[in-house]
């Protein structure tokens, strides 16, 4: 992945009862647009599906591929305004995972490294 741009301190608020804190990273992966959201492993995850890792890769002239997991495995040292350490393997979507649009990846994607804001 190249041209990485990290953004910390995101909050997803839904009503008064649901607040999820997450970080994001954008860049380029083999020439394709790359986006990842990493949610605080101590929190509820994304509002849409309680996912703790969401990865989206968008090839040129194509729909996107999406990987996501509810697992917090591989998310460490999460600091909302500072960064996160990753060593996570995100499995491909299964036939029971429903998401409008997007292509189903055929294999897992591995995220390793440190996001620093």
N, C-alpha and C. Protein backbone atom coordinates (compact mmCIF):
# COMPACT_ATOMS: atom_id res chain seq x y z
N UNK A 1 0.84 -1.17 0.00
CA UNK A 1 0.00 0.00 0.00
C UNK A 1 0.89 1.23 0.00
N UNK A 2 0.56 2.20 -0.80
CA UNK A 2 1.33 3.44 -0.90
C UNK A 2 0.41 4.64 -0.73
N UNK A 3 1.03 5.81 -0.56
CA UNK A 3 0.29 7.06 -0.40
C UNK A 3 -0.76 6.98 0.70
N UNK A 4 -0.36 6.45 1.85
CA UNK A 4 -1.28 6.24 2.96
C UNK A 4 -1.57 7.56 3.66
N UNK A 5 -2.83 7.80 3.91
CA UNK A 5 -3.28 8.98 4.65
C UNK A 5 -4.18 8.48 5.78
N UNK A 6 -3.78 8.71 7.01
CA UNK A 6 -4.53 8.25 8.17
C UNK A 6 -5.34 9.39 8.77
N UNK A 7 -6.51 9.06 9.26
CA UNK A 7 -7.36 10.03 9.94
C UNK A 7 -7.85 9.40 11.24
N UNK A 8 -7.56 10.07 12.35
CA UNK A 8 -7.97 9.57 13.66
C UNK A 8 -9.13 10.38 14.21
N UNK A 9 -9.73 9.85 15.25
CA UNK A 9 -10.75 10.60 15.98
C UNK A 9 -12.14 10.60 15.39
N UNK A 10 -12.42 9.68 14.47
CA UNK A 10 -13.79 9.60 13.93
C UNK A 10 -14.74 9.09 15.01
N UNK A 11 -15.96 9.59 14.98
CA UNK A 11 -17.02 9.06 15.84
C UNK A 11 -18.26 8.83 14.99
N UNK A 12 -18.87 7.70 15.20
CA UNK A 12 -20.13 7.40 14.53
C UNK A 12 -21.20 7.43 15.63
N UNK A 13 -22.08 8.42 15.53
CA UNK A 13 -23.12 8.59 16.55
C UNK A 13 -24.50 8.33 15.94
N UNK A 14 -25.26 7.50 16.64
CA UNK A 14 -26.63 7.21 16.22
C UNK A 14 -27.49 7.38 17.46
N UNK A 15 -28.25 8.45 17.48
CA UNK A 15 -29.06 8.73 18.65
C UNK A 15 -28.17 9.04 19.85
N UNK A 16 -28.71 8.82 21.04
CA UNK A 16 -27.96 9.09 22.27
C UNK A 16 -27.26 7.86 22.81
N UNK A 17 -27.60 6.69 22.31
CA UNK A 17 -27.12 5.46 22.91
C UNK A 17 -25.97 4.80 22.20
N UNK A 18 -25.64 5.22 20.98
CA UNK A 18 -24.64 4.49 20.21
C UNK A 18 -23.53 5.42 19.73
N UNK A 19 -22.34 5.20 20.25
CA UNK A 19 -21.17 5.97 19.81
C UNK A 19 -20.05 4.97 19.53
N UNK A 20 -19.55 4.98 18.32
CA UNK A 20 -18.43 4.12 17.94
C UNK A 20 -17.27 5.02 17.53
N UNK A 21 -16.09 4.74 18.06
CA UNK A 21 -14.89 5.49 17.74
C UNK A 21 -14.07 4.67 16.76
N UNK A 22 -13.54 5.33 15.71
CA UNK A 22 -12.73 4.59 14.74
C UNK A 22 -11.70 5.46 14.07
N UNK A 23 -10.74 4.79 13.44
CA UNK A 23 -9.68 5.42 12.66
C UNK A 23 -9.85 4.97 11.22
N UNK A 24 -9.33 5.73 10.29
CA UNK A 24 -9.39 5.29 8.90
C UNK A 24 -8.04 5.49 8.22
N UNK A 25 -7.82 4.71 7.18
CA UNK A 25 -6.62 4.84 6.36
C UNK A 25 -7.04 4.75 4.90
N UNK A 26 -6.52 5.67 4.10
CA UNK A 26 -6.79 5.68 2.66
C UNK A 26 -5.46 5.64 1.94
N UNK A 27 -5.45 5.03 0.77
CA UNK A 27 -4.23 4.98 -0.02
C UNK A 27 -4.46 4.24 -1.31
N UNK A 28 -3.40 3.66 -1.83
CA UNK A 28 -3.45 2.93 -3.08
C UNK A 28 -2.83 1.55 -2.88
N UNK A 29 -3.52 0.52 -3.33
CA UNK A 29 -3.06 -0.86 -3.22
C UNK A 29 -2.99 -1.44 -4.62
N UNK A 30 -1.78 -1.65 -5.12
CA UNK A 30 -1.58 -2.16 -6.48
C UNK A 30 -2.31 -1.31 -7.52
N UNK A 31 -2.32 0.00 -7.31
CA UNK A 31 -2.96 0.92 -8.25
C UNK A 31 -4.45 1.10 -8.03
N UNK A 32 -5.04 0.38 -7.09
CA UNK A 32 -6.47 0.50 -6.80
C UNK A 32 -6.67 1.34 -5.54
N UNK A 33 -7.78 2.05 -5.47
CA UNK A 33 -8.10 2.85 -4.28
C UNK A 33 -8.35 1.92 -3.10
N UNK A 34 -7.79 2.28 -1.94
CA UNK A 34 -7.89 1.47 -0.73
C UNK A 34 -8.44 2.32 0.40
N UNK A 35 -9.37 1.76 1.16
CA UNK A 35 -9.91 2.44 2.34
C UNK A 35 -10.12 1.40 3.44
N UNK A 36 -9.74 1.74 4.66
CA UNK A 36 -9.98 0.85 5.81
C UNK A 36 -10.48 1.67 6.99
N UNK A 37 -11.46 1.14 7.68
CA UNK A 37 -11.93 1.69 8.95
C UNK A 37 -11.61 0.67 10.03
N UNK A 38 -10.99 1.11 11.12
CA UNK A 38 -10.67 0.24 12.24
C UNK A 38 -11.35 0.83 13.47
N UNK A 39 -12.29 0.06 14.02
CA UNK A 39 -13.08 0.52 15.16
C UNK A 39 -12.43 0.10 16.47
N UNK A 40 -12.64 0.91 17.50
CA UNK A 40 -12.13 0.64 18.83
C UNK A 40 -12.56 -0.76 19.26
N UNK A 41 -11.61 -1.67 19.56
CA UNK A 41 -11.98 -3.03 19.94
C UNK A 41 -12.73 -3.09 21.26
N UNK A 42 -12.64 -2.03 22.08
CA UNK A 42 -13.37 -2.00 23.35
C UNK A 42 -14.80 -1.52 23.16
N UNK A 43 -15.13 -1.07 21.95
CA UNK A 43 -16.46 -0.52 21.69
C UNK A 43 -17.33 -1.47 20.88
N UNK A 44 -18.49 -0.98 20.47
CA UNK A 44 -19.48 -1.81 19.79
C UNK A 44 -19.20 -2.08 18.32
N UNK A 45 -18.23 -1.41 17.72
CA UNK A 45 -18.00 -1.56 16.28
C UNK A 45 -18.94 -0.67 15.49
N UNK A 46 -18.98 -0.86 14.19
CA UNK A 46 -19.81 0.00 13.34
C UNK A 46 -21.29 -0.18 13.65
N UNK A 47 -22.03 0.88 13.47
CA UNK A 47 -23.46 0.81 13.72
C UNK A 47 -24.16 -0.14 12.74
N UNK A 48 -23.71 -0.15 11.48
CA UNK A 48 -24.39 -0.93 10.45
C UNK A 48 -24.33 -2.43 10.69
N UNK A 49 -23.24 -2.93 11.25
CA UNK A 49 -23.13 -4.38 11.41
C UNK A 49 -22.23 -4.82 12.53
N UNK A 50 -21.90 -3.91 13.44
CA UNK A 50 -20.97 -4.21 14.53
C UNK A 50 -19.64 -4.75 14.03
N UNK A 51 -19.18 -4.25 12.87
CA UNK A 51 -17.89 -4.66 12.32
C UNK A 51 -16.79 -3.86 13.01
N UNK A 52 -15.66 -4.52 13.27
CA UNK A 52 -14.52 -3.83 13.86
C UNK A 52 -13.45 -3.50 12.83
N UNK A 53 -13.43 -4.20 11.72
CA UNK A 53 -12.53 -3.88 10.62
C UNK A 53 -13.34 -3.91 9.34
N UNK A 54 -13.27 -2.83 8.57
CA UNK A 54 -13.94 -2.76 7.27
C UNK A 54 -12.90 -2.30 6.25
N UNK A 55 -12.73 -3.07 5.20
CA UNK A 55 -11.75 -2.75 4.15
C UNK A 55 -12.48 -2.70 2.82
N UNK A 56 -12.17 -1.68 2.03
CA UNK A 56 -12.78 -1.52 0.71
C UNK A 56 -11.69 -1.21 -0.31
N UNK A 57 -11.61 -2.01 -1.36
CA UNK A 57 -10.66 -1.79 -2.44
C UNK A 57 -11.46 -1.58 -3.72
N UNK A 58 -11.19 -0.47 -4.39
CA UNK A 58 -11.95 -0.11 -5.59
C UNK A 58 -11.03 -0.06 -6.80
N UNK A 59 -11.08 -1.08 -7.66
CA UNK A 59 -10.26 -1.05 -8.88
C UNK A 59 -10.79 0.02 -9.84
N UNK A 60 -9.92 0.47 -10.72
CA UNK A 60 -10.35 1.43 -11.74
C UNK A 60 -11.43 0.78 -12.61
N UNK A 61 -12.43 1.55 -12.96
CA UNK A 61 -13.49 1.08 -13.87
C UNK A 61 -14.18 -0.18 -13.38
N UNK A 62 -14.36 -0.31 -12.06
CA UNK A 62 -15.01 -1.50 -11.53
C UNK A 62 -15.72 -1.16 -10.23
N UNK A 63 -16.58 -2.07 -9.81
CA UNK A 63 -17.20 -1.95 -8.50
C UNK A 63 -16.14 -2.28 -7.45
N UNK A 64 -16.46 -2.10 -6.18
CA UNK A 64 -15.48 -2.31 -5.13
C UNK A 64 -15.58 -3.72 -4.54
N UNK A 65 -14.50 -4.12 -3.88
CA UNK A 65 -14.46 -5.34 -3.09
C UNK A 65 -14.49 -4.93 -1.63
N UNK A 66 -15.21 -5.65 -0.79
CA UNK A 66 -15.27 -5.29 0.63
C UNK A 66 -15.01 -6.51 1.51
N UNK A 67 -14.16 -6.30 2.51
CA UNK A 67 -13.90 -7.29 3.54
C UNK A 67 -14.34 -6.66 4.86
N UNK A 68 -14.89 -7.45 5.76
CA UNK A 68 -15.22 -6.92 7.08
C UNK A 68 -15.30 -8.04 8.09
N UNK A 69 -15.11 -7.70 9.35
CA UNK A 69 -15.15 -8.70 10.40
C UNK A 69 -15.64 -8.09 11.70
N UNK A 70 -16.34 -8.90 12.47
CA UNK A 70 -16.75 -8.50 13.81
C UNK A 70 -15.64 -8.76 14.82
N UNK A 71 -14.68 -9.57 14.44
CA UNK A 71 -13.58 -9.94 15.33
C UNK A 71 -12.69 -8.74 15.63
N UNK A 72 -12.21 -8.69 16.86
CA UNK A 72 -11.25 -7.65 17.23
C UNK A 72 -9.82 -8.21 17.23
N UNK A 73 -9.66 -9.46 16.80
CA UNK A 73 -8.33 -10.07 16.75
C UNK A 73 -7.42 -9.25 15.85
N UNK A 74 -6.23 -8.97 16.33
CA UNK A 74 -5.26 -8.25 15.53
C UNK A 74 -5.32 -6.74 15.65
N UNK A 75 -6.24 -6.21 16.47
CA UNK A 75 -6.31 -4.77 16.73
C UNK A 75 -5.72 -4.53 18.11
N UNK A 76 -4.64 -3.76 18.19
CA UNK A 76 -3.97 -3.53 19.47
C UNK A 76 -3.58 -2.07 19.62
N UNK A 77 -3.41 -1.66 20.85
CA UNK A 77 -2.95 -0.30 21.18
C UNK A 77 -3.79 0.76 20.48
N UNK A 78 -5.09 0.59 20.50
CA UNK A 78 -5.99 1.55 19.86
C UNK A 78 -6.04 2.83 20.68
N UNK A 79 -5.72 3.94 20.03
CA UNK A 79 -5.79 5.27 20.65
C UNK A 79 -6.60 6.15 19.70
N UNK A 80 -7.78 6.59 20.09
CA UNK A 80 -8.67 7.31 19.18
C UNK A 80 -8.03 8.50 18.48
N UNK A 81 -7.16 9.23 19.17
CA UNK A 81 -6.55 10.40 18.56
C UNK A 81 -5.10 10.15 18.15
N UNK A 82 -4.60 8.91 18.34
CA UNK A 82 -3.19 8.65 18.11
C UNK A 82 -2.87 7.58 17.09
N UNK A 83 -3.64 6.50 17.06
CA UNK A 83 -3.35 5.45 16.10
C UNK A 83 -3.73 4.07 16.60
N UNK A 84 -3.27 3.06 15.86
CA UNK A 84 -3.59 1.68 16.18
C UNK A 84 -2.53 0.77 15.57
N UNK A 85 -2.29 -0.35 16.21
CA UNK A 85 -1.38 -1.37 15.68
C UNK A 85 -2.24 -2.50 15.13
N UNK A 86 -1.91 -2.94 13.91
CA UNK A 86 -2.70 -3.98 13.25
C UNK A 86 -1.87 -5.19 12.89
N UNK A 87 -2.44 -6.34 13.12
CA UNK A 87 -1.91 -7.61 12.64
C UNK A 87 -3.13 -8.51 12.49
N UNK A 88 -3.97 -8.14 11.53
CA UNK A 88 -5.28 -8.79 11.39
C UNK A 88 -5.45 -9.40 10.01
N UNK A 89 -6.03 -10.58 9.98
CA UNK A 89 -6.43 -11.21 8.73
C UNK A 89 -7.94 -11.12 8.66
N UNK A 90 -8.44 -10.45 7.63
CA UNK A 90 -9.88 -10.25 7.48
C UNK A 90 -10.37 -11.24 6.42
N UNK A 91 -11.27 -12.16 6.79
CA UNK A 91 -11.71 -13.19 5.85
C UNK A 91 -12.58 -12.59 4.75
N UNK A 92 -12.70 -13.31 3.62
CA UNK A 92 -13.59 -12.83 2.57
C UNK A 92 -15.03 -12.93 3.03
N UNK A 93 -15.89 -12.16 2.41
CA UNK A 93 -17.32 -12.25 2.74
C UNK A 93 -17.83 -13.62 2.37
N UNK A 94 -18.84 -14.06 3.10
CA UNK A 94 -19.49 -15.33 2.78
C UNK A 94 -20.81 -15.05 2.10
N UNK A 95 -21.49 -16.10 1.68
CA UNK A 95 -22.77 -15.94 0.99
C UNK A 95 -23.85 -15.37 1.91
N UNK A 96 -23.66 -15.46 3.23
CA UNK A 96 -24.67 -14.92 4.14
C UNK A 96 -24.46 -13.44 4.43
N UNK A 97 -23.29 -12.90 4.06
CA UNK A 97 -23.03 -11.47 4.25
C UNK A 97 -23.72 -10.70 3.15
N UNK A 98 -24.60 -9.81 3.54
CA UNK A 98 -25.37 -9.04 2.58
C UNK A 98 -24.85 -7.61 2.57
N UNK A 99 -24.54 -7.11 1.39
CA UNK A 99 -24.13 -5.72 1.27
C UNK A 99 -24.52 -5.25 -0.12
N UNK A 100 -25.18 -4.12 -0.17
CA UNK A 100 -25.58 -3.58 -1.47
C UNK A 100 -24.35 -3.17 -2.25
N UNK A 101 -24.30 -3.58 -3.49
CA UNK A 101 -23.16 -3.24 -4.33
C UNK A 101 -21.92 -4.00 -3.93
N UNK A 102 -20.88 -3.82 -4.64
CA UNK A 102 -19.62 -4.44 -4.29
C UNK A 102 -19.48 -5.85 -4.84
N UNK A 103 -18.25 -6.28 -4.93
CA UNK A 103 -17.92 -7.61 -5.39
C UNK A 103 -17.46 -8.42 -4.20
N UNK A 104 -17.63 -9.72 -4.26
CA UNK A 104 -17.17 -10.58 -3.17
C UNK A 104 -15.73 -11.00 -3.40
N UNK A 105 -14.82 -10.65 -2.50
CA UNK A 105 -13.44 -11.08 -2.66
C UNK A 105 -13.35 -12.60 -2.49
N UNK A 106 -12.40 -13.22 -3.17
CA UNK A 106 -12.27 -14.68 -3.10
C UNK A 106 -11.33 -15.14 -2.00
N UNK A 107 -10.55 -14.24 -1.44
CA UNK A 107 -9.61 -14.62 -0.38
C UNK A 107 -9.51 -13.55 0.68
N UNK A 108 -8.85 -13.88 1.78
CA UNK A 108 -8.71 -12.91 2.87
C UNK A 108 -7.74 -11.79 2.49
N UNK A 109 -7.77 -10.74 3.29
CA UNK A 109 -6.80 -9.66 3.16
C UNK A 109 -6.13 -9.51 4.53
N UNK A 110 -4.83 -9.32 4.53
CA UNK A 110 -4.08 -9.20 5.77
C UNK A 110 -3.61 -7.77 5.95
N UNK A 111 -3.88 -7.23 7.12
CA UNK A 111 -3.45 -5.87 7.47
C UNK A 111 -2.41 -5.96 8.57
N UNK A 112 -1.22 -5.49 8.28
CA UNK A 112 -0.18 -5.45 9.31
C UNK A 112 0.48 -4.08 9.27
N UNK A 113 0.76 -3.56 10.42
CA UNK A 113 1.44 -2.29 10.48
C UNK A 113 0.91 -1.41 11.58
N UNK A 114 1.27 -0.15 11.50
CA UNK A 114 0.93 0.82 12.53
C UNK A 114 0.34 2.05 11.84
N UNK A 115 -0.83 2.45 12.26
CA UNK A 115 -1.43 3.69 11.78
C UNK A 115 -1.17 4.73 12.84
N UNK A 116 -0.55 5.83 12.45
CA UNK A 116 -0.21 6.91 13.37
C UNK A 116 -0.79 8.21 12.83
N UNK A 117 -1.47 8.94 13.71
CA UNK A 117 -2.06 10.21 13.30
C UNK A 117 -1.33 11.36 13.96
